[in-house]
PDB file of N, CA and C in Angstrom:
ATOM      1  N   UNK A   1      49.460 -64.489 -28.734  1.00  0.00           N
ATOM      2  CA  UNK A   1      50.330 -64.735 -29.679  1.00  0.00           C
ATOM      3  C   UNK A   1      50.679 -66.254 -29.625  1.00  0.00           C
ATOM      4  N   UNK A   2      50.762 -66.944 -28.525  1.00  0.00           N
ATOM      5  CA  UNK A   2      51.059 -68.335 -28.391  1.00  0.00           C
ATOM      6  C   UNK A   2      49.946 -69.134 -28.985  1.00  0.00           C
ATOM      7  N   UNK A   3      48.761 -68.482 -29.120  1.00  0.00           N
ATOM      8  CA  UNK A   3      47.536 -69.211 -29.608  1.00  0.00           C
ATOM      9  C   UNK A   3      47.782 -69.602 -31.043  1.00  0.00           C
ATOM     10  N   UNK A   4      48.485 -68.777 -31.765  1.00  0.00           N
ATOM     11  CA  UNK A   4      48.581 -68.927 -33.327  1.00  0.00           C
ATOM     12  C   UNK A   4      49.962 -69.544 -33.622  1.00  0.00           C
ATOM     13  N   UNK A   5      50.896 -69.293 -32.904  1.00  0.00           N
ATOM     14  CA  UNK A   5      52.382 -69.697 -33.154  1.00  0.00           C
ATOM     15  C   UNK A   5      52.810 -70.812 -32.104  1.00  0.00           C
ATOM     16  N   UNK A   6      53.265 -71.902 -32.610  1.00  0.00           N
ATOM     17  CA  UNK A   6      53.718 -72.916 -31.695  1.00  0.00           C
ATOM     18  C   UNK A   6      55.164 -72.557 -31.367  1.00  0.00           C
ATOM     19  N   UNK A   7      55.744 -73.347 -30.552  1.00  0.00           N
ATOM     20  CA  UNK A   7      57.036 -73.125 -29.997  1.00  0.00           C
ATOM     21  C   UNK A   7      58.116 -73.107 -31.033  1.00  0.00           C
ATOM     22  N   UNK A   8      57.940 -74.073 -32.107  1.00  0.00           N
ATOM     23  CA  UNK A   8      58.900 -74.196 -33.076  1.00  0.00           C
ATOM     24  C   UNK A   8      58.841 -72.771 -33.992  1.00  0.00           C
ATOM     25  N   UNK A   9      57.744 -72.202 -34.243  1.00  0.00           N
ATOM     26  CA  UNK A   9      57.696 -71.078 -35.004  1.00  0.00           C
ATOM     27  C   UNK A   9      58.298 -69.843 -34.291  1.00  0.00           C
ATOM     28  N   UNK A  10      58.095 -69.752 -32.987  1.00  0.00           N
ATOM     29  CA  UNK A  10      58.605 -68.688 -32.138  1.00  0.00           C
ATOM     30  C   UNK A  10      60.355 -68.868 -32.224  1.00  0.00           C
ATOM     31  N   UNK A  11      60.754 -70.033 -32.181  1.00  0.00           N
ATOM     32  CA  UNK A  11      62.167 -70.327 -32.188  1.00  0.00           C
ATOM     33  C   UNK A  11      62.698 -69.792 -33.516  1.00  0.00           C
ATOM     34  N   UNK A  12      62.138 -70.156 -34.575  1.00  0.00           N
ATOM     35  CA  UNK A  12      62.503 -69.859 -35.905  1.00  0.00           C
ATOM     36  C   UNK A  12      62.506 -68.176 -36.074  1.00  0.00           C
ATOM     37  N   UNK A  13      61.420 -67.649 -35.593  1.00  0.00           N
ATOM     38  CA  UNK A  13      61.387 -66.085 -35.627  1.00  0.00           C
ATOM     39  C   UNK A  13      62.528 -65.504 -35.004  1.00  0.00           C
ATOM     40  N   UNK A  14      62.867 -65.970 -33.695  1.00  0.00           N
ATOM     41  CA  UNK A  14      64.001 -65.352 -33.035  1.00  0.00           C
ATOM     42  C   UNK A  14      65.302 -65.631 -33.667  1.00  0.00           C
ATOM     43  N   UNK A  15      65.466 -66.874 -34.082  1.00  0.00           N
ATOM     44  CA  UNK A  15      66.739 -67.366 -34.746  1.00  0.00           C
ATOM     45  C   UNK A  15      66.912 -66.527 -35.997  1.00  0.00           C
ATOM     46  N   UNK A  16      65.904 -66.464 -36.918  1.00  0.00           N
ATOM     47  CA  UNK A  16      66.115 -65.595 -38.093  1.00  0.00           C
ATOM     48  C   UNK A  16      66.423 -64.165 -37.874  1.00  0.00           C
ATOM     49  N   UNK A  17      65.799 -63.640 -36.816  1.00  0.00           N
ATOM     50  CA  UNK A  17      66.187 -62.118 -36.574  1.00  0.00           C
ATOM     51  C   UNK A  17      67.503 -61.996 -35.992  1.00  0.00           C
ATOM     52  N   UNK A  18      67.920 -62.886 -35.102  1.00  0.00           N
ATOM     53  CA  UNK A  18      69.430 -62.871 -34.685  1.00  0.00           C
ATOM     54  C   UNK A  18      70.341 -63.043 -35.833  1.00  0.00           C
ATOM     55  N   UNK A  19      70.119 -64.021 -36.551  1.00  0.00           N
ATOM     56  CA  UNK A  19      71.120 -64.174 -37.866  1.00  0.00           C
ATOM     57  C   UNK A  19      71.046 -62.971 -38.651  1.00  0.00           C
ATOM     58  N   UNK A  20      69.883 -62.402 -38.924  1.00  0.00           N
ATOM     59  CA  UNK A  20      69.937 -61.167 -39.771  1.00  0.00           C
ATOM     60  C   UNK A  20      70.701 -59.974 -39.136  1.00  0.00           C
ATOM     61  N   UNK A  21      70.571 -59.739 -37.834  1.00  0.00           N
ATOM     62  CA  UNK A  21      71.281 -58.788 -37.029  1.00  0.00           C
ATOM     63  C   UNK A  21      72.841 -59.022 -37.174  1.00  0.00           C
ATOM     64  N   UNK A  22      73.096 -60.353 -36.894  1.00  0.00           N
ATOM     65  CA  UNK A  22      74.569 -60.687 -37.001  1.00  0.00           C
ATOM     66  C   UNK A  22      75.129 -60.416 -38.369  1.00  0.00           C
ATOM     67  N   UNK A  23      74.467 -60.795 -39.434  1.00  0.00           N
ATOM     68  CA  UNK A  23      74.794 -60.531 -40.793  1.00  0.00           C
ATOM     69  C   UNK A  23      74.890 -59.035 -41.085  1.00  0.00           C
ATOM     70  N   UNK A  24      74.066 -58.299 -40.504  1.00  0.00           N
ATOM     71  CA  UNK A  24      74.216 -56.724 -40.762  1.00  0.00           C
ATOM     72  C   UNK A  24      75.541 -56.279 -40.107  1.00  0.00           C
ATOM     73  N   UNK A  25      75.863 -56.724 -38.897  1.00  0.00           N
ATOM     74  CA  UNK A  25      77.162 -56.288 -38.392  1.00  0.00           C
ATOM     75  C   UNK A  25      78.365 -56.797 -39.134  1.00  0.00           C
ATOM     76  N   UNK A  26      78.296 -58.132 -39.474  1.00  0.00           N
ATOM     77  CA  UNK A  26      79.468 -58.778 -40.123  1.00  0.00           C
ATOM     78  C   UNK A  26      79.672 -58.201 -41.596  1.00  0.00           C
ATOM     79  N   UNK A  27      78.536 -58.254 -42.309  1.00  0.00           N
ATOM     80  CA  UNK A  27      78.633 -57.838 -43.767  1.00  0.00           C
ATOM     81  C   UNK A  27      78.748 -56.469 -43.901  1.00  0.00           C
ATOM     82  N   UNK A  28      78.068 -55.556 -43.064  1.00  0.00           N
ATOM     83  CA  UNK A  28      77.872 -54.073 -43.266  1.00  0.00           C
ATOM     84  C   UNK A  28      76.920 -53.893 -44.231  1.00  0.00           C
ATOM     85  N   UNK A  29      76.875 -52.631 -44.688  1.00  0.00           N
ATOM     86  CA  UNK A  29      75.862 -52.302 -45.700  1.00  0.00           C
ATOM     87  C   UNK A  29      76.413 -52.412 -47.175  1.00  0.00           C
ATOM     88  N   UNK A  30      76.565 -53.687 -47.441  1.00  0.00           N
ATOM     89  CA  UNK A  30      76.868 -53.951 -48.833  1.00  0.00           C
ATOM     90  C   UNK A  30      75.901 -54.616 -49.529  1.00  0.00           C
ATOM     91  N   UNK A  31      76.233 -55.038 -50.893  1.00  0.00           N
ATOM     92  CA  UNK A  31      75.183 -55.808 -51.625  1.00  0.00           C
ATOM     93  C   UNK A  31      74.884 -57.141 -51.132  1.00  0.00           C
ATOM     94  N   UNK A  32      75.749 -57.750 -50.386  1.00  0.00           N
ATOM     95  CA  UNK A  32      75.520 -59.007 -49.691  1.00  0.00           C
ATOM     96  C   UNK A  32      74.317 -59.008 -48.821  1.00  0.00           C
ATOM     97  N   UNK A  33      74.231 -57.783 -48.286  1.00  0.00           N
ATOM     98  CA  UNK A  33      73.027 -57.561 -47.309  1.00  0.00           C
ATOM     99  C   UNK A  33      71.667 -57.803 -48.066  1.00  0.00           C
ATOM    100  N   UNK A  34      71.584 -57.450 -49.297  1.00  0.00           N
ATOM    101  CA  UNK A  34      70.415 -57.709 -50.007  1.00  0.00           C
ATOM    102  C   UNK A  34      69.916 -59.005 -50.029  1.00  0.00           C
ATOM    103  N   UNK A  35      70.988 -59.986 -50.154  1.00  0.00           N
ATOM    104  CA  UNK A  35      70.561 -61.451 -49.983  1.00  0.00           C
ATOM    105  C   UNK A  35      70.105 -61.864 -48.600  1.00  0.00           C
ATOM    106  N   UNK A  36      70.657 -61.364 -47.599  1.00  0.00           N
ATOM    107  CA  UNK A  36      70.201 -61.528 -46.330  1.00  0.00           C
ATOM    108  C   UNK A  36      68.874 -60.984 -46.033  1.00  0.00           C
ATOM    109  N   UNK A  37      68.587 -59.805 -46.579  1.00  0.00           N
ATOM    110  CA  UNK A  37      67.377 -59.266 -46.444  1.00  0.00           C
ATOM    111  C   UNK A  37      66.330 -60.138 -47.289  1.00  0.00           C
ATOM    112  N   UNK A  38      66.584 -60.608 -48.283  1.00  0.00           N
ATOM    113  CA  UNK A  38      65.744 -61.560 -49.095  1.00  0.00           C
ATOM    114  C   UNK A  38      65.416 -62.770 -48.254  1.00  0.00           C
ATOM    115  N   UNK A  39      66.330 -63.313 -47.630  1.00  0.00           N
ATOM    116  CA  UNK A  39      66.181 -64.522 -46.722  1.00  0.00           C
ATOM    117  C   UNK A  39      65.191 -64.172 -45.549  1.00  0.00           C
ATOM    118  N   UNK A  40      65.371 -63.040 -45.020  1.00  0.00           N
ATOM    119  CA  UNK A  40      64.535 -62.558 -43.978  1.00  0.00           C
ATOM    120  C   UNK A  40      63.117 -62.252 -44.409  1.00  0.00           C
ATOM    121  N   UNK A  41      62.926 -61.771 -45.574  1.00  0.00           N
ATOM    122  CA  UNK A  41      61.594 -61.503 -46.223  1.00  0.00           C
ATOM    123  C   UNK A  41      60.880 -62.931 -46.445  1.00  0.00           C
ATOM    124  N   UNK A  42      61.568 -63.865 -46.962  1.00  0.00           N
ATOM    125  CA  UNK A  42      60.951 -65.208 -47.100  1.00  0.00           C
ATOM    126  C   UNK A  42      60.537 -65.752 -45.890  1.00  0.00           C
ATOM    127  N   UNK A  43      61.454 -65.733 -44.845  1.00  0.00           N
ATOM    128  CA  UNK A  43      61.010 -66.171 -43.543  1.00  0.00           C
ATOM    129  C   UNK A  43      59.836 -65.576 -42.881  1.00  0.00           C
ATOM    130  N   UNK A  44      59.699 -64.143 -43.140  1.00  0.00           N
ATOM    131  CA  UNK A  44      58.607 -63.502 -42.633  1.00  0.00           C
ATOM    132  C   UNK A  44      57.427 -63.744 -43.453  1.00  0.00           C
ATOM    133  N   UNK A  45      57.425 -64.028 -44.680  1.00  0.00           N
ATOM    134  CA  UNK A  45      56.341 -64.251 -45.527  1.00  0.00           C
ATOM    135  C   UNK A  45      55.781 -65.697 -45.027  1.00  0.00           C
ATOM    136  N   UNK A  46      56.681 -66.738 -44.799  1.00  0.00           N
ATOM    137  CA  UNK A  46      56.189 -68.014 -44.352  1.00  0.00           C
ATOM    138  C   UNK A  46      55.491 -67.858 -43.005  1.00  0.00           C
ATOM    139  N   UNK A  47      56.041 -67.094 -42.117  1.00  0.00           N
ATOM    140  CA  UNK A  47      55.462 -66.933 -40.769  1.00  0.00           C
ATOM    141  C   UNK A  47      54.003 -66.333 -40.944  1.00  0.00           C
ATOM    142  N   UNK A  48      53.904 -65.286 -41.707  1.00  0.00           N
ATOM    143  CA  UNK A  48      52.634 -64.565 -41.904  1.00  0.00           C
ATOM    144  C   UNK A  48      51.612 -65.566 -42.508  1.00  0.00           C
ATOM    145  N   UNK A  49      52.072 -66.324 -43.512  1.00  0.00           N
ATOM    146  CA  UNK A  49      51.192 -67.375 -44.138  1.00  0.00           C
ATOM    147  C   UNK A  49      50.726 -68.401 -43.116  1.00  0.00           C
ATOM    148  N   UNK A  50      51.637 -68.771 -42.157  1.00  0.00           N
ATOM    149  CA  UNK A  50      51.426 -69.733 -41.102  1.00  0.00           C
ATOM    150  C   UNK A  50      50.249 -69.065 -40.241  1.00  0.00           C
ATOM    151  N   UNK A  51      50.432 -67.850 -39.939  1.00  0.00           N
ATOM    152  CA  UNK A  51      49.486 -67.199 -38.879  1.00  0.00           C
ATOM    153  C   UNK A  51      48.062 -66.954 -39.611  1.00  0.00           C
ATOM    154  N   UNK A  52      48.005 -66.649 -40.914  1.00  0.00           N
ATOM    155  CA  UNK A  52      46.670 -66.540 -41.580  1.00  0.00           C
ATOM    156  C   UNK A  52      46.074 -67.873 -41.718  1.00  0.00           C
ATOM    157  N   UNK A  53      46.844 -68.928 -41.886  1.00  0.00           N
ATOM    158  CA  UNK A  53      46.130 -70.303 -42.015  1.00  0.00           C
ATOM    159  C   UNK A  53      45.603 -70.550 -40.573  1.00  0.00           C
ATOM    160  N   UNK A  54      46.382 -70.268 -39.647  1.00  0.00           N
ATOM    161  CA  UNK A  54      45.791 -70.550 -38.232  1.00  0.00           C
ATOM    162  C   UNK A  54      44.558 -69.831 -38.007  1.00  0.00           C
ATOM    163  N   UNK A  55      44.503 -68.632 -38.451  1.00  0.00           N
ATOM    164  CA  UNK A  55      43.166 -67.879 -38.171  1.00  0.00           C
ATOM    165  C   UNK A  55      42.104 -68.432 -39.000  1.00  0.00           C
ATOM    166  N   UNK A  56      42.372 -68.802 -40.308  1.00  0.00           N
ATOM    167  CA  UNK A  56      41.263 -69.431 -41.029  1.00  0.00           C
ATOM    168  C   UNK A  56      40.869 -70.679 -40.545  1.00  0.00           C
ATOM    169  N   UNK A  57      41.689 -71.417 -40.086  1.00  0.00           N
ATOM    170  CA  UNK A  57      41.353 -72.901 -39.445  1.00  0.00           C
ATOM    171  C   UNK A  57      40.466 -72.637 -38.285  1.00  0.00           C
ATOM    172  N   UNK A  58      40.764 -71.681 -37.500  1.00  0.00           N
ATOM    173  CA  UNK A  58      39.957 -71.298 -36.383  1.00  0.00           C
ATOM    174  C   UNK A  58      38.546 -70.931 -36.710  1.00  0.00           C
ATOM    175  N   UNK A  59      38.420 -69.997 -37.918  1.00  0.00           N
ATOM    176  CA  UNK A  59      37.102 -69.573 -38.220  1.00  0.00           C
ATOM    177  C   UNK A  59      36.415 -70.760 -38.803  1.00  0.00           C
ATOM    178  N   UNK A  60      36.936 -71.695 -39.601  1.00  0.00           N
ATOM    179  CA  UNK A  60      36.422 -72.789 -40.111  1.00  0.00           C
ATOM    180  C   UNK A  60      35.807 -73.723 -39.104  1.00  0.00           C
ATOM    181  N   UNK A  61      36.687 -73.987 -37.941  1.00  0.00           N
ATOM    182  CA  UNK A  61      36.217 -74.729 -36.827  1.00  0.00           C
ATOM    183  C   UNK A  61      35.025 -74.216 -36.159  1.00  0.00           C
ATOM    184  N   UNK A  62      34.999 -72.936 -36.007  1.00  0.00           N
ATOM    185  CA  UNK A  62      33.895 -72.148 -35.423  1.00  0.00           C
ATOM    186  C   UNK A  62      32.556 -72.477 -36.108  1.00  0.00           C
ATOM    187  N   UNK A  63      32.596 -72.310 -37.523  1.00  0.00           N
ATOM    188  CA  UNK A  63      31.521 -72.539 -38.429  1.00  0.00           C
ATOM    189  C   UNK A  63      31.061 -73.916 -38.448  1.00  0.00           C
ATOM    190  N   UNK A  64      31.922 -74.874 -38.328  1.00  0.00           N
ATOM    191  CA  UNK A  64      31.578 -76.325 -38.307  1.00  0.00           C
ATOM    192  C   UNK A  64      30.924 -76.538 -36.928  1.00  0.00           C
ATOM    193  N   UNK A  65      31.282 -75.813 -35.832  1.00  0.00           N
ATOM    194  CA  UNK A  65      30.745 -76.062 -34.436  1.00  0.00           C
ATOM    195  C   UNK A  65      29.173 -75.591 -34.563  1.00  0.00           C
ATOM    196  N   UNK A  66      29.049 -74.416 -35.257  1.00  0.00           N
ATOM    197  CA  UNK A  66      27.736 -73.783 -35.423  1.00  0.00           C
ATOM    198  C   UNK A  66      26.943 -74.739 -36.210  1.00  0.00           C
ATOM    199  N   UNK A  67      27.401 -75.356 -37.237  1.00  0.00           N
ATOM    200  CA  UNK A  67      26.479 -76.315 -38.072  1.00  0.00           C
ATOM    201  C   UNK A  67      26.162 -77.359 -37.282  1.00  0.00           C
ATOM    202  N   UNK A  68      27.142 -78.008 -36.520  1.00  0.00           N
ATOM    203  CA  UNK A  68      26.892 -79.207 -35.713  1.00  0.00           C
ATOM    204  C   UNK A  68      25.783 -78.835 -34.759  1.00  0.00           C
ATOM    205  N   UNK A  69      25.856 -77.727 -34.135  1.00  0.00           N
ATOM    206  CA  UNK A  69      24.897 -77.440 -33.100  1.00  0.00           C
ATOM    207  C   UNK A  69      23.566 -77.256 -33.703  1.00  0.00           C
ATOM    208  N   UNK A  70      23.458 -76.659 -34.983  1.00  0.00           N
ATOM    209  CA  UNK A  70      22.155 -76.540 -35.546  1.00  0.00           C
ATOM    210  C   UNK A  70      21.551 -77.839 -36.129  1.00  0.00           C
ATOM    211  N   UNK A  71      22.378 -78.865 -36.400  1.00  0.00           N
ATOM    212  CA  UNK A  71      22.065 -80.154 -36.815  1.00  0.00           C
ATOM    213  C   UNK A  71      21.543 -80.972 -35.630  1.00  0.00           C
ATOM    214  N   UNK A  72      22.078 -80.714 -34.429  1.00  0.00           N
ATOM    215  CA  UNK A  72      21.669 -81.366 -33.289  1.00  0.00           C
ATOM    216  C   UNK A  72      20.421 -80.963 -32.700  1.00  0.00           C
ATOM    217  N   UNK A  73      20.155 -79.644 -32.983  1.00  0.00           N
ATOM    218  CA  UNK A  73      18.748 -79.100 -32.599  1.00  0.00           C
ATOM    219  C   UNK A  73      17.560 -79.716 -33.221  1.00  0.00           C
ATOM    220  N   UNK A  74      17.908 -80.339 -34.474  1.00  0.00           N
ATOM    221  CA  UNK A  74      16.651 -80.735 -35.319  1.00  0.00           C
ATOM    222  C   UNK A  74      16.287 -82.135 -34.754  1.00  0.00           C
TER     223      UNK A  74
END
């Protein structure tokens, strides 16, 4: 997990989860909780996008290494 998430991302994940849990207890199950859930979902979406980007970057780097090794063999 540390491979794809930097320290800043992990801090934001924990901080967002803590704030959501606090809001759940402070606001209760009211309509204001929907706003808090929306904020949580946006944060989760950004984190998932960062993870997918990290995986894609790794795949691209691997392909570039393969291309480079093929060119060096010539």
